[in-house]
Amino acid sequence: MNASEARQAGSDVSATVVGAATEFASKAQEGATAALAGARAAADEVGTRLPGIASAGAGGAAESVRMLQDLSDPRLKLLIAFSLGVGAGLWMAGAPRLVTLAALSPALVAGVAIAARKQGKGHRR
């Protein structure tokens, strides 16, 4: 192989590499465009459903507090004590924070129910 043939072979390899890189970049751009379109569609879907989900959650929480307000004080205090005990035990055992917070949430809801009782109703025994 002489110098001229070597230059020609190198030029052919360079052209092949440049062509492959151009094709790869084109496919990457198409993939990014498709991913962006999918993300946009998902965001639109979440945006349309979020108000309904939020109102359903708020309605459920209000109903839970109303039901808890109908319970007697000793039962609410027992619920709070149990929830705090389970939460403290999970925390000391090294459970994940989300699990610990889930165990403590009944105490928070029961506390809100006690605090939200109407003034005229008084305490339940």
C-alpha atoms as a PDB file:
ATOM      1  CA  MET A   1       0.000   0.000   0.000  1.00  0.00           C
ATOM      2  CA  ASN A   2       1.500   3.332  -1.013  1.00  0.00           C
ATOM      3  CA  ALA A   3       0.923   6.772   0.536  1.00  0.00           C
ATOM      4  CA  SER A   4      -1.874   7.688  -1.883  1.00  0.00           C
ATOM      5  CA  GLU A   5      -3.832   4.523  -1.100  1.00  0.00           C
ATOM      6  CA  ALA A   6      -3.304   5.053   2.639  1.00  0.00           C
ATOM      7  CA  ARG A   7      -4.675   8.622   2.371  1.00  0.00           C
ATOM      8  CA  GLN A   8      -7.694   7.370   0.418  1.00  0.00           C
ATOM      9  CA  ALA A   9      -8.402   4.608   2.965  1.00  0.00           C
ATOM     10  CA  GLY A  10      -8.110   7.125   5.821  1.00  0.00           C
ATOM     11  CA  SER A  11     -10.474   9.485   4.026  1.00  0.00           C
ATOM     12  CA  ASP A  12     -13.023   6.682   3.531  1.00  0.00           C
ATOM     13  CA  VAL A  13     -12.837   5.741   7.234  1.00  0.00           C
ATOM     14  CA  SER A  14     -13.242   9.389   8.262  1.00  0.00           C
ATOM     15  CA  ALA A  15     -16.274   9.779   6.012  1.00  0.00           C
ATOM     16  CA  THR A  16     -17.795   6.611   7.489  1.00  0.00           C
ATOM     17  CA  VAL A  17     -17.201   7.804  11.077  1.00  0.00           C
ATOM     18  CA  VAL A  18     -18.623  11.261  10.327  1.00  0.00           C
ATOM     19  CA  GLY A  19     -21.672   9.698   8.666  1.00  0.00           C
ATOM     20  CA  ALA A  20     -22.267   7.374  11.614  1.00  0.00           C
ATOM     21  CA  ALA A  21     -21.887  10.242  14.098  1.00  0.00           C
ATOM     22  CA  THR A  22     -24.326  12.376  12.108  1.00  0.00           C
ATOM     23  CA  GLU A  23     -26.873   9.547  12.015  1.00  0.00           C
ATOM     24  CA  PHE A  24     -26.429   8.939  15.760  1.00  0.00           C
ATOM     25  CA  ALA A  25     -26.933  12.648  16.534  1.00  0.00           C
ATOM     26  CA  SER A  26     -30.036  12.736  14.354  1.00  0.00           C
ATOM     27  CA  LYS A  27     -31.552   9.716  16.122  1.00  0.00           C
ATOM     28  CA  ALA A  28     -30.681  11.197  19.530  1.00  0.00           C
ATOM     29  CA  GLN A  29     -32.430  14.434  18.590  1.00  0.00           C
ATOM     30  CA  GLU A  30     -35.521  12.510  17.436  1.00  0.00           C
ATOM     31  CA  GLY A  31     -35.533  10.551  20.709  1.00  0.00           C
ATOM     32  CA  ALA A  32     -35.221  13.723  22.767  1.00  0.00           C
ATOM     33  CA  THR A  33     -38.079  15.309  20.842  1.00  0.00           C
ATOM     34  CA  ALA A  34     -40.273  12.247  21.418  1.00  0.00           C
ATOM     35  CA  ALA A  35     -39.391  12.189  25.142  1.00  0.00           C
ATOM     36  CA  LEU A  36     -40.233  15.879  25.472  1.00  0.00           C
ATOM     37  CA  ALA A  37     -43.577  15.345  23.747  1.00  0.00           C
ATOM     38  CA  GLY A  38     -44.344  12.444  26.108  1.00  0.00           C
ATOM     39  CA  ALA A  39     -43.415  14.505  29.152  1.00  0.00           C
ATOM     40  CA  ARG A  40     -45.591  17.347  27.931  1.00  0.00           C
ATOM     41  CA  ALA A  41     -48.553  14.987  27.478  1.00  0.00           C
ATOM     42  CA  ALA A  42     -48.025  13.500  30.957  1.00  0.00           C
ATOM     43  CA  ALA A  43     -47.827  16.972  32.508  1.00  0.00           C
ATOM     44  CA  ASP A  44     -51.068  17.967  30.779  1.00  0.00           C
ATOM     45  CA  GLU A  45     -52.772  14.819  32.091  1.00  0.00           C
ATOM     46  CA  VAL A  46     -51.559  15.486  35.646  1.00  0.00           C
ATOM     47  CA  GLY A  47     -52.663  19.109  35.371  1.00  0.00           C
ATOM     48  CA  THR A  48     -56.189  18.120  34.414  1.00  0.00           C
ATOM     49  CA  ARG A  49     -56.539  15.471  37.147  1.00  0.00           C
ATOM     50  CA  LEU A  50     -54.803  17.256  40.032  1.00  0.00           C
ATOM     51  CA  PRO A  51     -57.715  19.512  41.098  1.00  0.00           C
ATOM     52  CA  GLY A  52     -60.045  16.519  41.348  1.00  0.00           C
ATOM     53  CA  ILE A  53     -57.518  14.539  43.336  1.00  0.00           C
ATOM     54  CA  ALA A  54     -56.883  17.470  45.687  1.00  0.00           C
ATOM     55  CA  SER A  55     -60.588  18.078  46.315  1.00  0.00           C
ATOM     56  CA  ALA A  56     -61.217  14.372  46.926  1.00  0.00           C
ATOM     57  CA  GLY A  57     -58.341  14.268  49.412  1.00  0.00           C
ATOM     58  CA  ALA A  58     -59.567  17.372  51.216  1.00  0.00           C
ATOM     59  CA  GLY A  59     -63.102  15.974  51.352  1.00  0.00           C
ATOM     60  CA  GLY A  60     -61.849  12.678  52.755  1.00  0.00           C
ATOM     61  CA  ALA A  61     -59.762  14.435  55.393  1.00  0.00           C
ATOM     62  CA  ALA A  62     -62.693  16.614  56.436  1.00  0.00           C
ATOM     63  CA  GLU A  63     -64.926  13.537  56.729  1.00  0.00           C
ATOM     64  CA  SER A  64     -62.279  11.766  58.839  1.00  0.00           C
ATOM     65  CA  VAL A  65     -61.999  14.712  61.214  1.00  0.00           C
ATOM     66  CA  ARG A  66     -65.803  14.895  61.472  1.00  0.00           C
ATOM     67  CA  MET A  67     -66.002  11.191  62.325  1.00  0.00           C
ATOM     68  CA  LEU A  68     -63.237  11.523  64.908  1.00  0.00           C
ATOM     69  CA  GLN A  69     -64.980  14.491  66.518  1.00  0.00           C
ATOM     70  CA  ASP A  70     -67.894  12.185  67.278  1.00  0.00           C
ATOM     71  CA  LEU A  71     -65.657   9.860  69.333  1.00  0.00           C
ATOM     72  CA  SER A  72     -65.295  10.304  73.077  1.00  0.00           C
ATOM     73  CA  ASP A  73     -62.230  11.958  74.586  1.00  0.00           C
ATOM     74  CA  PRO A  74     -60.871   8.743  76.167  1.00  0.00           C
ATOM     75  CA  ARG A  75     -61.015   6.960  72.817  1.00  0.00           C
ATOM     76  CA  LEU A  76     -59.268   9.820  71.033  1.00  0.00           C
ATOM     77  CA  LYS A  77     -56.594   9.927  73.731  1.00  0.00           C
ATOM     78  CA  LEU A  78     -56.109   6.173  73.402  1.00  0.00           C
ATOM     79  CA  LEU A  79     -55.754   6.554  69.632  1.00  0.00           C
ATOM     80  CA  ILE A  80     -53.206   9.342  70.097  1.00  0.00           C
ATOM     81  CA  ALA A  81     -51.217   7.349  72.673  1.00  0.00           C
ATOM     82  CA  PHE A  82     -51.183   4.244  70.487  1.00  0.00           C
ATOM     83  CA  SER A  83     -50.105   6.191  67.411  1.00  0.00           C
ATOM     84  CA  LEU A  84     -47.346   8.008  69.305  1.00  0.00           C
ATOM     85  CA  GLY A  85     -46.138   4.718  70.807  1.00  0.00           C
ATOM     86  CA  VAL A  86     -45.971   2.972  67.442  1.00  0.00           C
ATOM     87  CA  GLY A  87     -44.280   5.989  65.856  1.00  0.00           C
ATOM     88  CA  ALA A  88     -41.701   6.224  68.643  1.00  0.00           C
ATOM     89  CA  GLY A  89     -41.013   2.491  68.436  1.00  0.00           C
ATOM     90  CA  LEU A  90     -40.518   2.638  64.682  1.00  0.00           C
ATOM     91  CA  TRP A  91     -38.257   5.670  65.023  1.00  0.00           C
ATOM     92  CA  MET A  92     -36.106   3.955  67.672  1.00  0.00           C
ATOM     93  CA  ALA A  93     -35.963   0.806  65.551  1.00  0.00           C
ATOM     94  CA  GLY A  94     -34.612   2.836  62.624  1.00  0.00           C
ATOM     95  CA  ALA A  95     -37.616   2.457  60.325  1.00  0.00           C
ATOM     96  CA  PRO A  96     -37.772   4.692  57.249  1.00  0.00           C
ATOM     97  CA  ARG A  97     -39.038   8.192  57.946  1.00  0.00           C
ATOM     98  CA  LEU A  98     -42.061   7.807  55.693  1.00  0.00           C
ATOM     99  CA  VAL A  99     -43.219   4.733  57.616  1.00  0.00           C
ATOM    100  CA  THR A 100     -42.697   6.534  60.924  1.00  0.00           C
ATOM    101  CA  LEU A 101     -44.669   9.555  59.726  1.00  0.00           C
ATOM    102  CA  ALA A 102     -47.469   7.286  58.529  1.00  0.00           C
ATOM    103  CA  ALA A 103     -47.632   5.729  61.997  1.00  0.00           C
ATOM    104  CA  LEU A 104     -47.774   9.182  63.607  1.00  0.00           C
ATOM    105  CA  SER A 105     -50.457  10.571  61.291  1.00  0.00           C
ATOM    106  CA  PRO A 106     -53.447   9.214  63.281  1.00  0.00           C
ATOM    107  CA  ALA A 107     -52.183  11.132  66.327  1.00  0.00           C
ATOM    108  CA  LEU A 108     -52.067  14.315  64.267  1.00  0.00           C
ATOM    109  CA  VAL A 109     -55.552  13.800  62.850  1.00  0.00           C
ATOM    110  CA  ALA A 110     -57.012  12.957  66.266  1.00  0.00           C
ATOM    111  CA  GLY A 111     -55.337  16.038  67.737  1.00  0.00           C
ATOM    112  CA  VAL A 112     -56.885  18.175  65.014  1.00  0.00           C
ATOM    113  CA  ALA A 113     -60.262  16.598  65.733  1.00  0.00           C
ATOM    114  CA  ILE A 114     -59.997  17.459  69.429  1.00  0.00           C
ATOM    115  CA  ALA A 115     -58.861  21.010  68.660  1.00  0.00           C
ATOM    116  CA  ALA A 116     -61.562  21.550  66.037  1.00  0.00           C
ATOM    117  CA  ARG A 117     -64.489  20.580  68.232  1.00  0.00           C
ATOM    118  CA  LYS A 118     -67.059  23.274  68.448  1.00  0.00           C
ATOM    119  CA  GLN A 119     -67.018  25.400  71.598  1.00  0.00           C
ATOM    120  CA  GLY A 120     -70.674  24.738  72.392  1.00  0.00           C
ATOM    121  CA  LYS A 121     -70.320  20.968  72.174  1.00  0.00           C
ATOM    122  CA  GLY A 122     -68.010  20.588  75.148  1.00  0.00           C
ATOM    123  CA  HIS A 123     -66.004  17.504  76.016  1.00  0.00           C
ATOM    124  CA  ARG A 124     -67.308  14.017  75.414  1.00  0.00           C
ATOM    125  CA  ARG A 125     -66.919  11.406  78.077  1.00  0.00           C
END
